Amino acid sequence: MRRYNFRRFYFIIRKLFLRTYHPTFIATNFSDIRSSVMIFGVLSAFTSMVSLFFVDSLVRTKEASFWIAFFRISALLICFTAYISAKKRFRFFERHIFSFTGFFVTSLILIYIPMMVYDKPNHSYYLYGSAIVIASSAIILWIEPVRIFLLSLLYVFIFIPLHLNFSENLGFDRFVFYQDILIVTFLLGMGFTANLLINFWRFEEYRSKIRLRITVGKLLRINQKIHDLSRIDSMTDLFNRRHLLEQFDLYKKRSKREDFYIGLVILDLDHLKAINDKFGHKQGDLAIQAFGKTLKSRVRSTDIAARIGGDEFCILASPVDSIGLETLTESIREKIEILRIPVYNQPGETIQITVSIGATMFGSNEDPTFDELYHKIDTALYASKNAGRNRITILPPTNSIA
């Protein structure tokens, strides 16, 4: 139980404190990161200018006043450089944005050290100022908690000893000293806590968007699968009647635009009932699947091969001419005629199937419905069956369908 609690505690600490920004997270929020650097640069520059004209003017000696003004102007230049780098999106800024930001904040903090040295009577002011810089950067800037923690350690190991030293030199007041330490500790703690919460919310929002994107992707794939299932025959992997009818109308429109002939072919397996009666319906299904595979291998990429029911199949060929239609149907008939299908419960045994075919064409000046055209070709299919099966009957194109 203790081991479990320790792991859970470590997981929470790592998730809140040690987690760094992922490259995709940075790329997703890069615009906001730039904006935060620009806003922080403007605010820091504004506070430096206010301090330069109002607070630093109270410095007693000219030498100290000169150096403090020098460091204030240096802080302004640092803020200006950060603002311009973020606004212009310099290549170095984009590639090393968090190293740049960390260096920017660290430079602002370190500038307070010489100002404390030159203005010892007002060292508490610079102590507070550097703590406020860390707290405000933790809240405004996109900085990981571990970086804020390191900045806070830098502050504690440099500014607190300086503050203690100057306090002792100027007359140590224990109450004032501990009051100052309490205030800056509160500022650092508030900034660090706010940084933890803000980063947690940022990551949670990012993870929610990622989960939403994944869920939407899954739904799109499921919808695509449902759409495919609604137009694909599950037994043969050919298209079904519904998809064939949809494509028939589209092919007619395209035929009118580009002026070409469309061929419609009906194919019916011969003696499938006898195969079912003799070998069982599983063997009949194997025969249908073998025929569907052969049919799929014979048609062109521009043709639509579909199973429209039972042992009846259909091809929508486009564009096609009389010779092409005859070549297509004859290649299918010959391929099926030499096809041998293994008997599933009798090893070494095979069966032969044949197909009867009816076909016709229509041009761009015709506008038949599928049912009208199908009825016409159905007569050609029965003509093939009545002629002994394993035959092809192609009706000549006409200008109208009666």
Foldseek 3Di string as FASTA:
>chain_A
DVVVVVVVVVVVCCVLAVDDDDPVLCVVCVVLQLVLLLVLLVVQLVVLVVCLVPVLVPADDPVLSVLSNVLSVVLNVLSVVSNCCSVVVDVVCVVPVQVSVLVSLLSNLVSLVVNCVSRVVVNLVSLVVSLLSLLVCLQRHLYGLNSSVVSVVVSCVRSLVSNVVSCVVVPPDPVVSVVSVVVSVVSSVNSSVNSSVVVVVSVVVVVVVVVVVVVVVVVVVVVVVVVLVVQADPLARAGEPVVVQVVVVVLLVVQLVVKAKKKKKKKAKPPLVVCCVPQNVVVSSQLLNVLSVLLVVLADPQKGWYDYDDRMIMIIDPGDDPVRVVVSVVVSQVVQQPDWADRPVDPPDTDGIGMFMFMEMEINLEDDRPVLVVVVRVVQSVVCVVVPHSYYGYDYYDNYRD
